[in-house]
Amino acid sequence: FRGRQGPNGRTHLMSPAMAAAAALTGRLTDVRDMLV
């Protein structure tokens, strides 16, 4: 929800594996490509 992680912060929900993939790439990433 708006402001959930801070005023005017923008949140994209995803699984732990997907979040780790986003950390490695710096963007929303399909973790399946990395695991394949």
PDB file of all heavy atoms in Angstrom:
ATOM      1  N   PHE A   1       0.826  -1.200   0.000  1.00  0.00           N
ATOM      2  CA  PHE A   1       0.000   0.000   0.000  1.00  0.00           C
ATOM      3  C   PHE A   1       0.868   1.261   0.000  1.00  0.00           C
ATOM      4  O   PHE A   1       2.034   1.233   0.402  1.00  0.00           O
ATOM      5  CB  PHE A   1      -0.925   0.004   1.213  1.00  0.00           C
ATOM      6  CG  PHE A   1      -1.805  -1.214   1.301  1.00  0.00           C
ATOM      7  CD1 PHE A   1      -1.904  -1.936   2.483  1.00  0.00           C
ATOM      8  CD2 PHE A   1      -2.519  -1.656   0.198  1.00  0.00           C
ATOM      9  CE1 PHE A   1      -2.716  -3.061   2.563  1.00  0.00           C
ATOM     10  CE2 PHE A   1      -3.327  -2.772   0.261  1.00  0.00           C
ATOM     11  CZ  PHE A   1      -3.420  -3.477   1.457  1.00  0.00           C
ATOM     12  N   ARG A   2       0.287   2.362  -0.419  1.00  0.00           N
ATOM     13  CA  ARG A   2       1.017   3.630  -0.463  1.00  0.00           C
ATOM     14  C   ARG A   2       1.605   3.955   0.915  1.00  0.00           C
ATOM     15  O   ARG A   2       0.910   3.924   1.914  1.00  0.00           O
ATOM     16  CB  ARG A   2       0.082   4.767  -0.878  1.00  0.00           C
ATOM     17  CG  ARG A   2      -0.482   4.606  -2.278  1.00  0.00           C
ATOM     18  CD  ARG A   2      -1.551   5.657  -2.538  1.00  0.00           C
ATOM     19  NE  ARG A   2      -2.184   5.448  -3.827  1.00  0.00           N
ATOM     20  CZ  ARG A   2      -2.260   6.375  -4.781  1.00  0.00           C
ATOM     21  NH1 ARG A   2      -1.752   7.570  -4.586  1.00  0.00           N
ATOM     22  NH2 ARG A   2      -2.852   6.102  -5.925  1.00  0.00           N
ATOM     23  N   GLY A   3       2.869   4.270   0.935  1.00  0.00           N
ATOM     24  CA  GLY A   3       3.516   4.647   2.182  1.00  0.00           C
ATOM     25  C   GLY A   3       3.860   3.497   3.101  1.00  0.00           C
ATOM     26  O   GLY A   3       4.378   3.721   4.201  1.00  0.00           O
ATOM     27  N   ARG A   4       3.588   2.273   2.696  1.00  0.00           N
ATOM     28  CA  ARG A   4       3.836   1.119   3.561  1.00  0.00           C
ATOM     29  C   ARG A   4       5.299   1.050   4.007  1.00  0.00           C
ATOM     30  O   ARG A   4       5.594   0.744   5.154  1.00  0.00           O
ATOM     31  CB  ARG A   4       3.456  -0.159   2.804  1.00  0.00           C
ATOM     32  CG  ARG A   4       3.912  -1.456   3.454  1.00  0.00           C
ATOM     33  CD  ARG A   4       2.983  -1.907   4.537  1.00  0.00           C
ATOM     34  NE  ARG A   4       3.411  -3.192   5.084  1.00  0.00           N
ATOM     35  CZ  ARG A   4       2.668  -3.937   5.883  1.00  0.00           C
ATOM     36  NH1 ARG A   4       1.466  -3.539   6.235  1.00  0.00           N
ATOM     37  NH2 ARG A   4       3.114  -5.088   6.346  1.00  0.00           N
ATOM     38  N   GLN A   5       6.226   1.317   3.091  1.00  0.00           N
ATOM     39  CA  GLN A   5       7.642   1.237   3.425  1.00  0.00           C
ATOM     40  C   GLN A   5       8.285   2.613   3.595  1.00  0.00           C
ATOM     41  O   GLN A   5       9.500   2.723   3.622  1.00  0.00           O
ATOM     42  CB  GLN A   5       8.390   0.446   2.346  1.00  0.00           C
ATOM     43  CG  GLN A   5       7.997  -1.033   2.305  1.00  0.00           C
ATOM     44  CD  GLN A   5       8.910  -1.845   1.415  1.00  0.00           C
ATOM     45  OE1 GLN A   5       8.986  -1.624   0.214  1.00  0.00           O
ATOM     46  NE2 GLN A   5       9.618  -2.792   2.010  1.00  0.00           N
ATOM     47  N   GLY A   6       7.459   3.617   3.743  1.00  0.00           N
ATOM     48  CA  GLY A   6       7.937   4.980   3.903  1.00  0.00           C
ATOM     49  C   GLY A   6       7.125   5.927   3.035  1.00  0.00           C
ATOM     50  O   GLY A   6       6.610   5.524   1.985  1.00  0.00           O
ATOM     51  N   PRO A   7       6.961   7.187   3.438  1.00  0.00           N
ATOM     52  CA  PRO A   7       6.158   8.150   2.677  1.00  0.00           C
ATOM     53  C   PRO A   7       6.607   8.241   1.224  1.00  0.00           C
ATOM     54  O   PRO A   7       7.775   8.502   0.938  1.00  0.00           O
ATOM     55  CB  PRO A   7       6.401   9.474   3.426  1.00  0.00           C
ATOM     56  CG  PRO A   7       6.763   9.057   4.814  1.00  0.00           C
ATOM     57  CD  PRO A   7       7.544   7.790   4.657  1.00  0.00           C
ATOM     58  N   ASN A   8       5.663   7.950   0.317  1.00  0.00           N
ATOM     59  CA  ASN A   8       5.908   8.001  -1.123  1.00  0.00           C
ATOM     60  C   ASN A   8       6.951   6.989  -1.599  1.00  0.00           C
ATOM     61  O   ASN A   8       7.496   7.124  -2.701  1.00  0.00           O
ATOM     62  CB  ASN A   8       6.315   9.418  -1.557  1.00  0.00           C
ATOM     63  CG  ASN A   8       5.195  10.412  -1.337  1.00  0.00           C
ATOM     64  OD1 ASN A   8       4.052  10.171  -1.711  1.00  0.00           O
ATOM     65  ND2 ASN A   8       5.514  11.530  -0.692  1.00  0.00           N
ATOM     66  N   GLY A   9       7.203   5.955  -0.796  1.00  0.00           N
ATOM     67  CA  GLY A   9       8.064   4.877  -1.234  1.00  0.00           C
ATOM     68  C   GLY A   9       7.312   3.958  -2.188  1.00  0.00           C
ATOM     69  O   GLY A   9       6.089   3.825  -2.103  1.00  0.00           O
ATOM     70  N   ARG A  10       8.019   3.352  -3.105  1.00  0.00           N
ATOM     71  CA  ARG A  10       7.403   2.511  -4.133  1.00  0.00           C
ATOM     72  C   ARG A  10       7.816   1.053  -3.922  1.00  0.00           C
ATOM     73  O   ARG A  10       9.011   0.737  -3.944  1.00  0.00           O
ATOM     74  CB  ARG A  10       7.829   2.996  -5.525  1.00  0.00           C
ATOM     75  CG  ARG A  10       7.301   4.394  -5.833  1.00  0.00           C
ATOM     76  CD  ARG A  10       8.035   5.039  -6.992  1.00  0.00           C
ATOM     77  NE  ARG A  10       7.419   6.309  -7.381  1.00  0.00           N
ATOM     78  CZ  ARG A  10       7.977   7.191  -8.188  1.00  0.00           C
ATOM     79  NH1 ARG A  10       9.183   6.953  -8.700  1.00  0.00           N
ATOM     80  NH2 ARG A  10       7.354   8.317  -8.489  1.00  0.00           N
ATOM     81  N   THR A  11       6.841   0.192  -3.745  1.00  0.00           N
ATOM     82  CA  THR A  11       7.101  -1.200  -3.382  1.00  0.00           C
ATOM     83  C   THR A  11       6.629  -2.158  -4.464  1.00  0.00           C
ATOM     84  O   THR A  11       5.494  -2.066  -4.927  1.00  0.00           O
ATOM     85  CB  THR A  11       6.378  -1.548  -2.061  1.00  0.00           C
ATOM     86  OG1 THR A  11       6.819  -0.658  -1.035  1.00  0.00           O
ATOM     87  CG2 THR A  11       6.654  -2.979  -1.661  1.00  0.00           C
ATOM     88  N   HIS A  12       7.488  -3.088  -4.838  1.00  0.00           N
ATOM     89  CA  HIS A  12       7.128  -4.185  -5.736  1.00  0.00           C
ATOM     90  C   HIS A  12       7.265  -5.481  -4.949  1.00  0.00           C
ATOM     91  O   HIS A  12       8.373  -5.850  -4.540  1.00  0.00           O
ATOM     92  CB  HIS A  12       8.037  -4.219  -6.965  1.00  0.00           C
ATOM     93  CG  HIS A  12       7.910  -3.026  -7.856  1.00  0.00           C
ATOM     94  ND1 HIS A  12       6.924  -2.920  -8.825  1.00  0.00           N
ATOM     95  CD2 HIS A  12       8.634  -1.878  -7.904  1.00  0.00           C
ATOM     96  CE1 HIS A  12       7.059  -1.757  -9.451  1.00  0.00           C
ATOM     97  NE2 HIS A  12       8.086  -1.113  -8.913  1.00  0.00           N
ATOM     98  N   LEU A  13       6.152  -6.166  -4.712  1.00  0.00           N
ATOM     99  CA  LEU A  13       6.176  -7.414  -3.960  1.00  0.00           C
ATOM    100  C   LEU A  13       6.606  -8.573  -4.850  1.00  0.00           C
ATOM    101  O   LEU A  13       6.240  -8.636  -6.023  1.00  0.00           O
ATOM    102  CB  LEU A  13       4.794  -7.715  -3.378  1.00  0.00           C
ATOM    103  CG  LEU A  13       4.183  -6.668  -2.459  1.00  0.00           C
ATOM    104  CD1 LEU A  13       2.832  -7.164  -1.949  1.00  0.00           C
ATOM    105  CD2 LEU A  13       5.114  -6.340  -1.305  1.00  0.00           C
ATOM    106  N   MET A  14       7.341  -9.517  -4.273  1.00  0.00           N
ATOM    107  CA  MET A  14       7.779 -10.712  -5.007  1.00  0.00           C
ATOM    108  C   MET A  14       8.303 -11.730  -4.011  1.00  0.00           C
ATOM    109  O   MET A  14       8.422 -11.455  -2.817  1.00  0.00           O
ATOM    110  CB  MET A  14       8.850 -10.339  -6.029  1.00  0.00           C
ATOM    111  CG  MET A  14      10.121  -9.777  -5.437  1.00  0.00           C
ATOM    112  SD  MET A  14      11.119  -8.906  -6.676  1.00  0.00           S
ATOM    113  CE  MET A  14      10.108  -7.438  -6.939  1.00  0.00           C
ATOM    114  N   SER A  15       8.648 -12.917  -4.511  1.00  0.00           N
ATOM    115  CA  SER A  15       9.148 -13.988  -3.658  1.00  0.00           C
ATOM    116  C   SER A  15      10.589 -13.712  -3.237  1.00  0.00           C
ATOM    117  O   SER A  15      11.281 -12.874  -3.837  1.00  0.00           O
ATOM    118  CB  SER A  15       9.083 -15.315  -4.398  1.00  0.00           C
ATOM    119  OG  SER A  15      10.081 -15.358  -5.414  1.00  0.00           O
ATOM    120  N   PRO A  16      11.069 -14.409  -2.206  1.00  0.00           N
ATOM    121  CA  PRO A  16      12.468 -14.231  -1.790  1.00  0.00           C
ATOM    122  C   PRO A  16      13.473 -14.499  -2.912  1.00  0.00           C
ATOM    123  O   PRO A  16      14.448 -13.760  -3.060  1.00  0.00           O
ATOM    124  CB  PRO A  16      12.615 -15.240  -0.638  1.00  0.00           C
ATOM    125  CG  PRO A  16      11.237 -15.319  -0.051  1.00  0.00           C
ATOM    126  CD  PRO A  16      10.322 -15.251  -1.240  1.00  0.00           C
ATOM    127  N   ALA A  17      13.258 -15.554  -3.695  1.00  0.00           N
ATOM    128  CA  ALA A  17      14.176 -15.839  -4.795  1.00  0.00           C
ATOM    129  C   ALA A  17      14.142 -14.722  -5.828  1.00  0.00           C
ATOM    130  O   ALA A  17      15.185 -14.320  -6.371  1.00  0.00           O
ATOM    131  CB  ALA A  17      13.813 -17.172  -5.444  1.00  0.00           C
ATOM    132  N   MET A  18      12.953 -14.194  -6.114  1.00  0.00           N
ATOM    133  CA  MET A  18      12.826 -13.098  -7.077  1.00  0.00           C
ATOM    134  C   MET A  18      13.487 -11.828  -6.547  1.00  0.00           C
ATOM    135  O   MET A  18      14.118 -11.075  -7.309  1.00  0.00           O
ATOM    136  CB  MET A  18      11.357 -12.846  -7.378  1.00  0.00           C
ATOM    137  CG  MET A  18      10.707 -13.880  -8.276  1.00  0.00           C
ATOM    138  SD  MET A  18      11.181 -13.656 -10.004  1.00  0.00           S
ATOM    139  CE  MET A  18      10.228 -12.164 -10.385  1.00  0.00           C
ATOM    140  N   ALA A  19      13.364 -11.573  -5.248  1.00  0.00           N
ATOM    141  CA  ALA A  19      13.990 -10.392  -4.662  1.00  0.00           C
ATOM    142  C   ALA A  19      15.507 -10.500  -4.742  1.00  0.00           C
ATOM    143  O   ALA A  19      16.207  -9.524  -5.027  1.00  0.00           O
ATOM    144  CB  ALA A  19      13.536 -10.220  -3.219  1.00  0.00           C
ATOM    145  N   ALA A  20      16.028 -11.696  -4.492  1.00  0.00           N
ATOM    146  CA  ALA A  20      17.476 -11.893  -4.602  1.00  0.00           C
ATOM    147  C   ALA A  20      17.943 -11.666  -6.030  1.00  0.00           C
ATOM    148  O   ALA A  20      19.006 -11.075  -6.268  1.00  0.00           O
ATOM    149  CB  ALA A  20      17.842 -13.295  -4.124  1.00  0.00           C
ATOM    150  N   ALA A  21      17.149 -12.117  -6.996  1.00  0.00           N
ATOM    151  CA  ALA A  21      17.490 -11.898  -8.405  1.00  0.00           C
ATOM    152  C   ALA A  21      17.508 -10.406  -8.725  1.00  0.00           C
ATOM    153  O   ALA A  21      18.389  -9.921  -9.448  1.00  0.00           O
ATOM    154  CB  ALA A  21      16.500 -12.631  -9.305  1.00  0.00           C
ATOM    155  N   ALA A  22      16.541  -9.661  -8.189  1.00  0.00           N
ATOM    156  CA  ALA A  22      16.495  -8.214  -8.414  1.00  0.00           C
ATOM    157  C   ALA A  22      17.718  -7.534  -7.814  1.00  0.00           C
ATOM    158  O   ALA A  22      18.237  -6.557  -8.374  1.00  0.00           O
ATOM    159  CB  ALA A  22      15.213  -7.635  -7.819  1.00  0.00           C
ATOM    160  N   ALA A  23      18.196  -8.052  -6.695  1.00  0.00           N
ATOM    161  CA  ALA A  23      19.389  -7.473  -6.076  1.00  0.00           C
ATOM    162  C   ALA A  23      20.608  -7.656  -6.978  1.00  0.00           C
ATOM    163  O   ALA A  23      21.448  -6.758  -7.105  1.00  0.00           O
ATOM    164  CB  ALA A  23      19.635  -8.114  -4.714  1.00  0.00           C
ATOM    165  N   LEU A  24      20.704  -8.811  -7.619  1.00  0.00           N
ATOM    166  CA  LEU A  24      21.869  -9.099  -8.465  1.00  0.00           C
ATOM    167  C   LEU A  24      21.839  -8.349  -9.793  1.00  0.00           C
ATOM    168  O   LEU A  24      22.891  -8.082 -10.381  1.00  0.00           O
ATOM    169  CB  LEU A  24      21.961 -10.603  -8.744  1.00  0.00           C
ATOM    170  CG  LEU A  24      22.133 -11.538  -7.545  1.00  0.00           C
ATOM    171  CD1 LEU A  24      22.407 -12.956  -8.020  1.00  0.00           C
ATOM    172  CD2 LEU A  24      23.237 -11.062  -6.619  1.00  0.00           C
ATOM    173  N   THR A  25      20.647  -7.999 -10.263  1.00  0.00           N
ATOM    174  CA  THR A  25      20.528  -7.341 -11.568  1.00  0.00           C
ATOM    175  C   THR A  25      20.182  -5.863 -11.476  1.00  0.00           C
ATOM    176  O   THR A  25      20.354  -5.118 -12.447  1.00  0.00           O
ATOM    177  CB  THR A  25      19.449  -8.034 -12.420  1.00  0.00           C
ATOM    178  OG1 THR A  25      18.182  -7.917 -11.757  1.00  0.00           O
ATOM    179  CG2 THR A  25      19.780  -9.508 -12.615  1.00  0.00           C
ATOM    180  N   GLY A  26      19.635  -5.443 -10.342  1.00  0.00           N
ATOM    181  CA  GLY A  26      19.230  -4.055 -10.184  1.00  0.00           C
ATOM    182  C   GLY A  26      17.897  -3.732 -10.818  1.00  0.00           C
ATOM    183  O   GLY A  26      17.524  -2.562 -10.934  1.00  0.00           O
ATOM    184  N   ARG A  27      17.136  -4.770 -11.191  1.00  0.00           N
ATOM    185  CA  ARG A  27      15.825  -4.542 -11.795  1.00  0.00           C
ATOM    186  C   ARG A  27      14.946  -5.767 -11.576  1.00  0.00           C
ATOM    187  O   ARG A  27      15.422  -6.820 -11.132  1.00  0.00           O
ATOM    188  CB  ARG A  27      15.950  -4.256 -13.291  1.00  0.00           C
ATOM    189  CG  ARG A  27      16.576  -5.380 -14.111  1.00  0.00           C
ATOM    190  CD  ARG A  27      16.740  -4.975 -15.574  1.00  0.00           C
ATOM    191  NE  ARG A  27      17.549  -3.777 -15.707  1.00  0.00           N
ATOM    192  CZ  ARG A  27      17.067  -2.583 -16.057  1.00  0.00           C
ATOM    193  NH1 ARG A  27      15.759  -2.451 -16.336  1.00  0.00           N
ATOM    194  NH2 ARG A  27      17.854  -1.547 -16.168  1.00  0.00           N
ATOM    195  N   LEU A  28      13.658  -5.649 -11.884  1.00  0.00           N
ATOM    196  CA  LEU A  28      12.776  -6.801 -11.780  1.00  0.00           C
ATOM    197  C   LEU A  28      13.240  -7.838 -12.788  1.00  0.00           C
ATOM    198  O   LEU A  28      13.427  -7.533 -13.968  1.00  0.00           O
ATOM    199  CB  LEU A  28      11.325  -6.398 -12.052  1.00  0.00           C
ATOM    200  CG  LEU A  28      10.730  -5.291 -11.162  1.00  0.00           C
ATOM    201  CD1 LEU A  28       9.238  -5.157 -11.420  1.00  0.00           C
ATOM    202  CD2 LEU A  28      11.002  -5.544  -9.693  1.00  0.00           C
ATOM    203  N   THR A  29      13.428  -9.052 -12.331  1.00  0.00           N
ATOM    204  CA  THR A  29      14.067 -10.088 -13.145  1.00  0.00           C
ATOM    205  C   THR A  29      13.354 -11.413 -12.967  1.00  0.00           C
ATOM    206  O   THR A  29      12.947 -11.774 -11.858  1.00  0.00           O
ATOM    207  CB  THR A  29      15.545 -10.253 -12.723  1.00  0.00           C
ATOM    208  OG1 THR A  29      16.221  -9.009 -12.915  1.00  0.00           O
ATOM    209  CG2 THR A  29      16.238 -11.336 -13.521  1.00  0.00           C
ATOM    210  N   ASP A  30      13.210 -12.151 -14.051  1.00  0.00           N
ATOM    211  CA  ASP A  30      12.650 -13.499 -13.985  1.00  0.00           C
ATOM    212  C   ASP A  30      13.744 -14.435 -13.471  1.00  0.00           C
ATOM    213  O   ASP A  30      14.690 -14.757 -14.191  1.00  0.00           O
ATOM    214  CB  ASP A  30      12.174 -13.946 -15.368  1.00  0.00           C
ATOM    215  CG  ASP A  30      11.369 -15.242 -15.327  1.00  0.00           C
ATOM    216  OD1 ASP A  30      11.492 -15.993 -14.331  1.00  0.00           O
ATOM    217  OD2 ASP A  30      10.610 -15.499 -16.279  1.00  0.00           O
ATOM    218  N   VAL A  31      13.620 -14.850 -12.224  1.00  0.00           N
ATOM    219  CA  VAL A  31      14.659 -15.661 -11.599  1.00  0.00           C
ATOM    220  C   VAL A  31      14.859 -16.986 -12.317  1.00  0.00           C
ATOM    221  O   VAL A  31      15.941 -17.581 -12.256  1.00  0.00           O
ATOM    222  CB  VAL A  31      14.337 -15.891 -10.115  1.00  0.00           C
ATOM    223  CG1 VAL A  31      13.119 -16.811  -9.949  1.00  0.00           C
ATOM    224  CG2 VAL A  31      15.532 -16.469  -9.373  1.00  0.00           C
ATOM    225  N   ARG A  32      13.861 -17.439 -13.042  1.00  0.00           N
ATOM    226  CA  ARG A  32      13.995 -18.716 -13.752  1.00  0.00           C
ATOM    227  C   ARG A  32      15.119 -18.667 -14.776  1.00  0.00           C
ATOM    228  O   ARG A  32      15.815 -19.665 -14.992  1.00  0.00           O
ATOM    229  CB  ARG A  32      12.665 -19.075 -14.423  1.00  0.00           C
ATOM    230  CG  ARG A  32      11.523 -19.327 -13.457  1.00  0.00           C
ATOM    231  CD  ARG A  32      10.224 -19.557 -14.194  1.00  0.00           C
ATOM    232  NE  ARG A  32       9.857 -18.404 -15.006  1.00  0.00           N
ATOM    233  CZ  ARG A  32       8.783 -18.349 -15.790  1.00  0.00           C
ATOM    234  NH1 ARG A  32       7.980 -19.404 -15.866  1.00  0.00           N
ATOM    235  NH2 ARG A  32       8.511 -17.266 -16.496  1.00  0.00           N
ATOM    236  N   ASP A  33      15.311 -17.517 -15.404  1.00  0.00           N
ATOM    237  CA  ASP A  33      16.387 -17.391 -16.387  1.00  0.00           C
ATOM    238  C   ASP A  33      17.750 -17.565 -15.728  1.00  0.00           C
ATOM    239  O   ASP A  33      18.656 -18.193 -16.292  1.00  0.00           O
ATOM    240  CB  ASP A  33      16.319 -16.021 -17.068  1.00  0.00           C
ATOM    241  CG  ASP A  33      15.047 -15.837 -17.884  1.00  0.00           C
ATOM    242  OD1 ASP A  33      14.463 -16.864 -18.295  1.00  0.00           O
ATOM    243  OD2 ASP A  33      14.650 -14.684 -18.103  1.00  0.00           O
ATOM    244  N   MET A  34      17.911 -17.034 -14.531  1.00  0.00           N
ATOM    245  CA  MET A  34      19.178 -17.144 -13.822  1.00  0.00           C
ATOM    246  C   MET A  34      19.429 -18.577 -13.375  1.00  0.00           C
ATOM    247  O   MET A  34      20.549 -19.087 -13.465  1.00  0.00           O
ATOM    248  CB  MET A  34      19.183 -16.205 -12.614  1.00  0.00           C
ATOM    249  CG  MET A  34      18.963 -14.752 -12.964  1.00  0.00           C
ATOM    250  SD  MET A  34      18.950 -13.680 -11.514  1.00  0.00           S
ATOM    251  CE  MET A  34      20.680 -13.730 -11.070  1.00  0.00           C
ATOM    252  N   LEU A  35      18.373 -19.248 -12.912  1.00  0.00           N
ATOM    253  CA  LEU A  35      18.530 -20.613 -12.429  1.00  0.00           C
ATOM    254  C   LEU A  35      18.771 -21.578 -13.579  1.00  0.00           C
ATOM    255  O   LEU A  35      19.540 -22.535 -13.440  1.00  0.00           O
ATOM    256  CB  LEU A  35      17.300 -21.025 -11.623  1.00  0.00           C
ATOM    257  CG  LEU A  35      17.082 -20.228 -10.330  1.00  0.00           C
ATOM    258  CD1 LEU A  35      15.788 -20.660  -9.656  1.00  0.00           C
ATOM    259  CD2 LEU A  35      18.255 -20.405  -9.382  1.00  0.00           C
ATOM    260  N   VAL A  36      18.132 -21.340 -14.724  1.00  0.00           N
ATOM    261  CA  VAL A  36      18.367 -22.192 -15.892  1.00  0.00           C
ATOM    262  C   VAL A  36      19.820 -22.093 -16.323  1.00  0.00           C
ATOM    263  O   VAL A  36      20.488 -23.083 -16.622  1.00  0.00           O
ATOM    264  CB  VAL A  36      17.428 -21.791 -17.053  1.00  0.00           C
ATOM    265  CG1 VAL A  36      17.904 -22.425 -18.352  1.00  0.00           C
ATOM    266  CG2 VAL A  36      16.004 -22.232 -16.750  1.00  0.00           C
TER     267      VAL A  36
END
